[in-house]
All heavy atoms as atom14 arrays in JSON, in Angstrom:
{
  "sequence": "TGVTPFIYSEVMLSSSGGVKGVVLRGVDSKTAKGVL",
  "atom14_mask": [
    [1, 1, 1, 1, 1, 1, 1, 0, 0, 0, 0, 0, 0, 0],
    [1, 1, 1, 1, 0, 0, 0, 0, 0, 0, 0, 0, 0, 0],
    [1, 1, 1, 1, 1, 1, 1, 0, 0, 0, 0, 0, 0, 0],
    [1, 1, 1, 1, 1, 1, 1, 0, 0, 0, 0, 0, 0, 0],
    [1, 1, 1, 1, 1, 1, 1, 0, 0, 0, 0, 0, 0, 0],
    [1, 1, 1, 1, 1, 1, 1, 1, 1, 1, 1, 0, 0, 0],
    [1, 1, 1, 1, 1, 1, 1, 1, 0, 0, 0, 0, 0, 0],
    [1, 1, 1, 1, 1, 1, 1, 1, 1, 1, 1, 1, 0, 0],
    [1, 1, 1, 1, 1, 1, 0, 0, 0, 0, 0, 0, 0, 0],
    [1, 1, 1, 1, 1, 1, 1, 1, 1, 0, 0, 0, 0, 0],
    [1, 1, 1, 1, 1, 1, 1, 0, 0, 0, 0, 0, 0, 0],
    [1, 1, 1, 1, 1, 1, 1, 1, 0, 0, 0, 0, 0, 0],
    [1, 1, 1, 1, 1, 1, 1, 1, 0, 0, 0, 0, 0, 0],
    [1, 1, 1, 1, 1, 1, 0, 0, 0, 0, 0, 0, 0, 0],
    [1, 1, 1, 1, 1, 1, 0, 0, 0, 0, 0, 0, 0, 0],
    [1, 1, 1, 1, 1, 1, 0, 0, 0, 0, 0, 0, 0, 0],
    [1, 1, 1, 1, 0, 0, 0, 0, 0, 0, 0, 0, 0, 0],
    [1, 1, 1, 1, 0, 0, 0, 0, 0, 0, 0, 0, 0, 0],
    [1, 1, 1, 1, 1, 1, 1, 0, 0, 0, 0, 0, 0, 0],
    [1, 1, 1, 1, 1, 1, 1, 1, 1, 0, 0, 0, 0, 0],
    [1, 1, 1, 1, 0, 0, 0, 0, 0, 0, 0, 0, 0, 0],
    [1, 1, 1, 1, 1, 1, 1, 0, 0, 0, 0, 0, 0, 0],
    [1, 1, 1, 1, 1, 1, 1, 0, 0, 0, 0, 0, 0, 0],
    [1, 1, 1, 1, 1, 1, 1, 1, 0, 0, 0, 0, 0, 0],
    [1, 1, 1, 1, 1, 1, 1, 1, 1, 1, 1, 0, 0, 0],
    [1, 1, 1, 1, 0, 0, 0, 0, 0, 0, 0, 0, 0, 0],
    [1, 1, 1, 1, 1, 1, 1, 0, 0, 0, 0, 0, 0, 0],
    [1, 1, 1, 1, 1, 1, 1, 1, 0, 0, 0, 0, 0, 0],
    [1, 1, 1, 1, 1, 1, 0, 0, 0, 0, 0, 0, 0, 0],
    [1, 1, 1, 1, 1, 1, 1, 1, 1, 0, 0, 0, 0, 0],
    [1, 1, 1, 1, 1, 1, 1, 0, 0, 0, 0, 0, 0, 0],
    [1, 1, 1, 1, 1, 0, 0, 0, 0, 0, 0, 0, 0, 0],
    [1, 1, 1, 1, 1, 1, 1, 1, 1, 0, 0, 0, 0, 0],
    [1, 1, 1, 1, 0, 0, 0, 0, 0, 0, 0, 0, 0, 0],
    [1, 1, 1, 1, 1, 1, 1, 0, 0, 0, 0, 0, 0, 0],
    [1, 1, 1, 1, 1, 1, 1, 1, 0, 0, 0, 0, 0, 0]
  ],
  "atom14_positions": [
    [[139.04, -66.6, 29.17], [140.25, -67.26, 29.13], [141.48, -66.22, 29.0], [142.56, -66.63, 29.18], [140.33, -68.2, 27.89], [140.05, -67.54, 26.79], [139.2, -69.29, 28.04], [0.0, 0.0, 0.0], [0.0, 0.0, 0.0], [0.0, 0.0, 0.0], [0.0, 0.0, 0.0], [0.0, 0.0, 0.0], [0.0, 0.0, 0.0], [0.0, 0.0, 0.0]],
    [[141.12, -64.95, 28.62], [142.23, -64.1, 28.4], [141.73, -62.63, 28.42], [140.61, -62.34, 27.87], [0.0, 0.0, 0.0], [0.0, 0.0, 0.0], [0.0, 0.0, 0.0], [0.0, 0.0, 0.0], [0.0, 0.0, 0.0], [0.0, 0.0, 0.0], [0.0, 0.0, 0.0], [0.0, 0.0, 0.0], [0.0, 0.0, 0.0], [0.0, 0.0, 0.0]],
    [[142.45, -61.73, 28.96], [142.24, -60.24, 28.87], [143.51, -59.45, 28.53], [144.49, -59.7, 29.13], [141.59, -59.7, 30.19], [141.15, -58.29, 29.99], [140.32, -60.6, 30.58], [0.0, 0.0, 0.0], [0.0, 0.0, 0.0], [0.0, 0.0, 0.0], [0.0, 0.0, 0.0], [0.0, 0.0, 0.0], [0.0, 0.0, 0.0], [0.0, 0.0, 0.0]],
    [[143.38, -58.53, 27.67], [144.61, -57.8, 27.23], [144.23, -56.33, 26.94], [143.13, -56.01, 26.3], [145.42, -58.37, 26.08], [146.55, -57.62, 25.8], [144.48, -58.37, 24.83], [0.0, 0.0, 0.0], [0.0, 0.0, 0.0], [0.0, 0.0, 0.0], [0.0, 0.0, 0.0], [0.0, 0.0, 0.0], [0.0, 0.0, 0.0], [0.0, 0.0, 0.0]],
    [[144.97, -55.45, 27.35], [144.59, -53.88, 26.95], [145.12, -53.67, 25.61], [146.15, -54.23, 25.1], [145.55, -53.18, 28.12], [146.58, -54.15, 28.45], [146.11, -55.48, 28.36], [0.0, 0.0, 0.0], [0.0, 0.0, 0.0], [0.0, 0.0, 0.0], [0.0, 0.0, 0.0], [0.0, 0.0, 0.0], [0.0, 0.0, 0.0], [0.0, 0.0, 0.0]],
    [[144.57, -52.78, 24.97], [145.0, -52.31, 23.64], [144.73, -50.86, 23.42], [144.01, -50.18, 24.15], [144.1, -53.12, 22.51], [142.77, -52.64, 22.34], [142.41, -51.75, 21.4], [141.8, -53.11, 23.17], [141.24, -51.22, 21.26], [140.48, -52.69, 22.88], [140.14, -51.69, 22.0], [0.0, 0.0, 0.0], [0.0, 0.0, 0.0], [0.0, 0.0, 0.0]],
    [[145.43, -50.39, 22.36], [145.4, -48.91, 22.09], [145.24, -48.95, 20.53], [145.9, -49.67, 19.8], [146.68, -48.21, 22.35], [146.98, -48.05, 23.85], [146.69, -46.72, 21.78], [148.1, -47.44, 24.34], [0.0, 0.0, 0.0], [0.0, 0.0, 0.0], [0.0, 0.0, 0.0], [0.0, 0.0, 0.0], [0.0, 0.0, 0.0], [0.0, 0.0, 0.0]],
    [[144.18, -48.14, 20.08], [143.74, -48.06, 18.67], [143.98, -46.56, 18.16], [143.73, -45.69, 18.8], [142.39, -48.43, 18.61], [141.77, -48.37, 17.18], [141.74, -49.49, 16.26], [141.27, -47.18, 16.62], [141.38, -49.4, 15.03], [140.75, -47.07, 15.31], [140.82, -48.23, 14.57], [140.34, -48.16, 13.23], [0.0, 0.0, 0.0], [0.0, 0.0, 0.0]],
    [[144.64, -46.6, 17.02], [144.84, -45.18, 16.35], [145.12, -45.46, 14.9], [145.41, -46.54, 14.43], [146.0, -44.47, 17.06], [146.19, -43.26, 16.43], [0.0, 0.0, 0.0], [0.0, 0.0, 0.0], [0.0, 0.0, 0.0], [0.0, 0.0, 0.0], [0.0, 0.0, 0.0], [0.0, 0.0, 0.0], [0.0, 0.0, 0.0], [0.0, 0.0, 0.0]],
    [[144.99, -44.4, 14.25], [145.24, -44.38, 12.75], [146.37, -43.48, 12.47], [146.43, -42.21, 12.82], [144.09, -44.01, 11.94], [142.91, -45.02, 12.03], [141.77, -44.54, 11.26], [141.83, -43.52, 10.39], [140.65, -45.22, 11.23], [0.0, 0.0, 0.0], [0.0, 0.0, 0.0], [0.0, 0.0, 0.0], [0.0, 0.0, 0.0], [0.0, 0.0, 0.0]],
    [[147.48, -43.84, 11.91], [148.68, -43.17, 11.71], [149.14, -43.34, 10.22], [148.5, -44.11, 9.36], [149.84, -43.64, 12.63], [149.44, -43.46, 14.03], [150.19, -45.07, 12.32], [0.0, 0.0, 0.0], [0.0, 0.0, 0.0], [0.0, 0.0, 0.0], [0.0, 0.0, 0.0], [0.0, 0.0, 0.0], [0.0, 0.0, 0.0], [0.0, 0.0, 0.0]],
    [[150.13, -42.62, 9.79], [150.8, -42.82, 8.56], [152.19, -43.54, 8.65], [152.94, -43.18, 9.6], [151.02, -41.44, 7.92], [149.84, -40.69, 7.59], [148.84, -41.49, 6.27], [150.01, -41.28, 4.89], [0.0, 0.0, 0.0], [0.0, 0.0, 0.0], [0.0, 0.0, 0.0], [0.0, 0.0, 0.0], [0.0, 0.0, 0.0], [0.0, 0.0, 0.0]],
    [[152.41, -44.54, 7.94], [153.7, -45.14, 7.95], [154.47, -44.76, 6.73], [154.0, -44.92, 5.52], [153.44, -46.73, 7.99], [154.63, -47.65, 8.28], [154.21, -48.89, 9.05], [155.34, -48.0, 6.95], [0.0, 0.0, 0.0], [0.0, 0.0, 0.0], [0.0, 0.0, 0.0], [0.0, 0.0, 0.0], [0.0, 0.0, 0.0], [0.0, 0.0, 0.0]],
    [[155.74, -44.36, 6.98], [156.6, -43.78, 5.89], [157.84, -44.55, 5.69], [158.48, -44.75, 6.77], [156.87, -42.34, 6.07], [157.71, -41.83, 5.1], [0.0, 0.0, 0.0], [0.0, 0.0, 0.0], [0.0, 0.0, 0.0], [0.0, 0.0, 0.0], [0.0, 0.0, 0.0], [0.0, 0.0, 0.0], [0.0, 0.0, 0.0], [0.0, 0.0, 0.0]],
    [[158.38, -44.9, 4.62], [159.61, -45.49, 4.42], [160.2, -45.1, 3.06], [159.53, -44.33, 2.26], [159.57, -46.99, 4.47], [158.79, -47.53, 3.33], [0.0, 0.0, 0.0], [0.0, 0.0, 0.0], [0.0, 0.0, 0.0], [0.0, 0.0, 0.0], [0.0, 0.0, 0.0], [0.0, 0.0, 0.0], [0.0, 0.0, 0.0], [0.0, 0.0, 0.0]],
    [[161.28, -45.69, 2.65], [161.83, -45.3, 1.37], [160.88, -45.87, 0.21], [161.05, -45.37, -0.81], [163.22, -45.76, 1.2], [163.38, -47.23, 1.4], [0.0, 0.0, 0.0], [0.0, 0.0, 0.0], [0.0, 0.0, 0.0], [0.0, 0.0, 0.0], [0.0, 0.0, 0.0], [0.0, 0.0, 0.0], [0.0, 0.0, 0.0], [0.0, 0.0, 0.0]],
    [[160.09, -46.85, 0.47], [159.26, -47.46, -0.42], [157.92, -46.67, -0.66], [157.11, -47.05, -1.63], [0.0, 0.0, 0.0], [0.0, 0.0, 0.0], [0.0, 0.0, 0.0], [0.0, 0.0, 0.0], [0.0, 0.0, 0.0], [0.0, 0.0, 0.0], [0.0, 0.0, 0.0], [0.0, 0.0, 0.0], [0.0, 0.0, 0.0], [0.0, 0.0, 0.0]],
    [[157.61, -45.67, 0.07], [156.37, -44.93, 0.0], [155.77, -44.52, 1.38], [156.25, -44.82, 2.41], [0.0, 0.0, 0.0], [0.0, 0.0, 0.0], [0.0, 0.0, 0.0], [0.0, 0.0, 0.0], [0.0, 0.0, 0.0], [0.0, 0.0, 0.0], [0.0, 0.0, 0.0], [0.0, 0.0, 0.0], [0.0, 0.0, 0.0], [0.0, 0.0, 0.0]],
    [[154.45, -44.12, 1.24], [153.68, -43.73, 2.44], [152.4, -44.42, 2.35], [151.78, -44.55, 1.31], [153.57, -42.24, 2.47], [152.75, -41.84, 3.84], [154.87, -41.5, 2.49], [0.0, 0.0, 0.0], [0.0, 0.0, 0.0], [0.0, 0.0, 0.0], [0.0, 0.0, 0.0], [0.0, 0.0, 0.0], [0.0, 0.0, 0.0], [0.0, 0.0, 0.0]],
    [[152.0, -44.95, 3.48], [150.69, -45.7, 3.55], [149.97, -45.38, 4.97], [150.64, -45.45, 6.01], [151.0, -47.18, 3.36], [149.71, -48.06, 3.61], [148.85, -47.97, 2.36], [147.77, -49.09, 2.39], [146.82, -48.95, 3.59], [0.0, 0.0, 0.0], [0.0, 0.0, 0.0], [0.0, 0.0, 0.0], [0.0, 0.0, 0.0], [0.0, 0.0, 0.0]],
    [[148.79, -45.11, 4.86], [147.91, -45.0, 6.19], [147.73, -46.27, 6.65], [147.18, -47.21, 5.96], [0.0, 0.0, 0.0], [0.0, 0.0, 0.0], [0.0, 0.0, 0.0], [0.0, 0.0, 0.0], [0.0, 0.0, 0.0], [0.0, 0.0, 0.0], [0.0, 0.0, 0.0], [0.0, 0.0, 0.0], [0.0, 0.0, 0.0], [0.0, 0.0, 0.0]],
    [[147.89, -46.51, 7.89], [147.75, -47.87, 8.72], [146.88, -47.68, 9.93], [146.83, -46.52, 10.49], [149.03, -48.55, 8.91], [149.76, -48.72, 7.71], [149.92, -47.68, 9.9], [0.0, 0.0, 0.0], [0.0, 0.0, 0.0], [0.0, 0.0, 0.0], [0.0, 0.0, 0.0], [0.0, 0.0, 0.0], [0.0, 0.0, 0.0], [0.0, 0.0, 0.0]],
    [[146.3, -48.84, 10.36], [145.54, -48.88, 11.56], [146.58, -49.52, 12.53], [147.13, -50.46, 12.46], [144.49, -49.77, 11.57], [143.87, -50.05, 12.91], [143.3, -49.32, 10.54], [0.0, 0.0, 0.0], [0.0, 0.0, 0.0], [0.0, 0.0, 0.0], [0.0, 0.0, 0.0], [0.0, 0.0, 0.0], [0.0, 0.0, 0.0], [0.0, 0.0, 0.0]],
    [[146.88, -48.58, 13.56], [148.01, -48.96, 14.53], [147.28, -49.57, 15.86], [146.46, -48.9, 16.34], [148.74, -47.71, 15.01], [150.05, -47.88, 15.85], [151.0, -48.71, 15.07], [150.62, -46.58, 16.35], [0.0, 0.0, 0.0], [0.0, 0.0, 0.0], [0.0, 0.0, 0.0], [0.0, 0.0, 0.0], [0.0, 0.0, 0.0], [0.0, 0.0, 0.0]],
    [[147.81, -50.72, 16.09], [147.33, -51.37, 17.34], [148.34, -51.51, 18.47], [149.43, -52.11, 18.2], [146.78, -52.8, 17.07], [145.58, -52.65, 16.2], [144.3, -52.49, 16.85], [144.05, -53.59, 17.77], [143.43, -54.63, 17.7], [143.07, -54.91, 16.45], [143.21, -55.43, 18.54], [0.0, 0.0, 0.0], [0.0, 0.0, 0.0], [0.0, 0.0, 0.0]],
    [[148.21, -50.9, 19.46], [149.21, -51.1, 20.71], [148.71, -52.28, 21.36], [147.49, -52.29, 21.83], [0.0, 0.0, 0.0], [0.0, 0.0, 0.0], [0.0, 0.0, 0.0], [0.0, 0.0, 0.0], [0.0, 0.0, 0.0], [0.0, 0.0, 0.0], [0.0, 0.0, 0.0], [0.0, 0.0, 0.0], [0.0, 0.0, 0.0], [0.0, 0.0, 0.0]],
    [[149.61, -53.15, 21.83], [149.23, -54.42, 22.48], [150.24, -54.67, 23.56], [151.34, -54.17, 23.59], [149.27, -55.67, 21.6], [148.08, -55.44, 20.53], [150.59, -55.76, 20.87], [0.0, 0.0, 0.0], [0.0, 0.0, 0.0], [0.0, 0.0, 0.0], [0.0, 0.0, 0.0], [0.0, 0.0, 0.0], [0.0, 0.0, 0.0], [0.0, 0.0, 0.0]],
    [[149.88, -55.44, 24.52], [150.73, -55.95, 25.56], [151.23, -57.41, 25.04], [150.4, -58.33, 25.11], [149.95, -56.09, 26.84], [150.87, -56.39, 28.14], [151.98, -57.03, 27.82], [150.48, -56.35, 29.15], [0.0, 0.0, 0.0], [0.0, 0.0, 0.0], [0.0, 0.0, 0.0], [0.0, 0.0, 0.0], [0.0, 0.0, 0.0], [0.0, 0.0, 0.0]],
    [[152.43, -57.55, 24.77], [153.01, -58.7, 24.2], [152.76, -59.99, 25.11], [152.77, -61.08, 24.65], [154.45, -58.64, 23.76], [155.21, -58.32, 24.93], [0.0, 0.0, 0.0], [0.0, 0.0, 0.0], [0.0, 0.0, 0.0], [0.0, 0.0, 0.0], [0.0, 0.0, 0.0], [0.0, 0.0, 0.0], [0.0, 0.0, 0.0], [0.0, 0.0, 0.0]],
    [[152.85, -59.81, 26.48], [152.63, -60.9, 27.26], [151.15, -61.45, 27.39], [150.92, -62.63, 27.25], [153.09, -60.51, 28.76], [154.51, -60.05, 28.87], [154.89, -59.78, 30.22], [156.36, -59.43, 30.31], [156.73, -58.91, 31.66], [0.0, 0.0, 0.0], [0.0, 0.0, 0.0], [0.0, 0.0, 0.0], [0.0, 0.0, 0.0], [0.0, 0.0, 0.0]],
    [[150.22, -60.46, 27.57], [148.89, -60.98, 27.66], [148.09, -61.11, 26.3], [147.23, -61.87, 26.14], [147.96, -59.97, 28.5], [148.13, -58.64, 27.82], [148.53, -59.89, 29.96], [0.0, 0.0, 0.0], [0.0, 0.0, 0.0], [0.0, 0.0, 0.0], [0.0, 0.0, 0.0], [0.0, 0.0, 0.0], [0.0, 0.0, 0.0], [0.0, 0.0, 0.0]],
    [[148.57, -60.49, 25.2], [148.01, -60.56, 23.92], [148.02, -62.06, 23.33], [147.3, -62.39, 22.61], [148.71, -59.71, 22.88], [0.0, 0.0, 0.0], [0.0, 0.0, 0.0], [0.0, 0.0, 0.0], [0.0, 0.0, 0.0], [0.0, 0.0, 0.0], [0.0, 0.0, 0.0], [0.0, 0.0, 0.0], [0.0, 0.0, 0.0], [0.0, 0.0, 0.0]],
    [[148.98, -62.86, 23.78], [149.22, -64.18, 23.25], [148.06, -64.94, 23.65], [147.58, -66.0, 23.02], [150.45, -64.84, 23.85], [151.69, -64.12, 23.31], [152.97, -64.78, 23.98], [154.33, -64.1, 23.51], [155.58, -64.69, 24.16], [0.0, 0.0, 0.0], [0.0, 0.0, 0.0], [0.0, 0.0, 0.0], [0.0, 0.0, 0.0], [0.0, 0.0, 0.0]],
    [[147.35, -64.74, 24.75], [146.27, -65.52, 25.13], [144.93, -65.1, 24.59], [143.77, -65.58, 24.84], [0.0, 0.0, 0.0], [0.0, 0.0, 0.0], [0.0, 0.0, 0.0], [0.0, 0.0, 0.0], [0.0, 0.0, 0.0], [0.0, 0.0, 0.0], [0.0, 0.0, 0.0], [0.0, 0.0, 0.0], [0.0, 0.0, 0.0], [0.0, 0.0, 0.0]],
    [[144.95, -63.93, 23.83], [143.65, -63.37, 23.3], [143.74, -63.23, 21.83], [142.79, -63.57, 21.11], [143.48, -61.98, 23.81], [142.22, -61.27, 23.38], [143.44, -61.98, 25.3], [0.0, 0.0, 0.0], [0.0, 0.0, 0.0], [0.0, 0.0, 0.0], [0.0, 0.0, 0.0], [0.0, 0.0, 0.0], [0.0, 0.0, 0.0], [0.0, 0.0, 0.0]],
    [[144.77, -62.85, 21.18], [144.82, -62.67, 19.86], [145.67, -63.79, 19.12], [146.45, -64.59, 19.81], [145.55, -61.28, 19.43], [144.99, -60.12, 20.16], [145.81, -58.91, 19.66], [143.43, -59.93, 19.62], [0.0, 0.0, 0.0], [0.0, 0.0, 0.0], [0.0, 0.0, 0.0], [0.0, 0.0, 0.0], [0.0, 0.0, 0.0], [0.0, 0.0, 0.0]]
  ]
}
């Protein structure tokens, strides 16, 4: 019913509130709606 490309990586997210390691998911906003 749906196919979407994705990118997976682990990065650090930094803001004035602190730093946190996160799992980063690159998605295609058009096709991701039918899959996720």
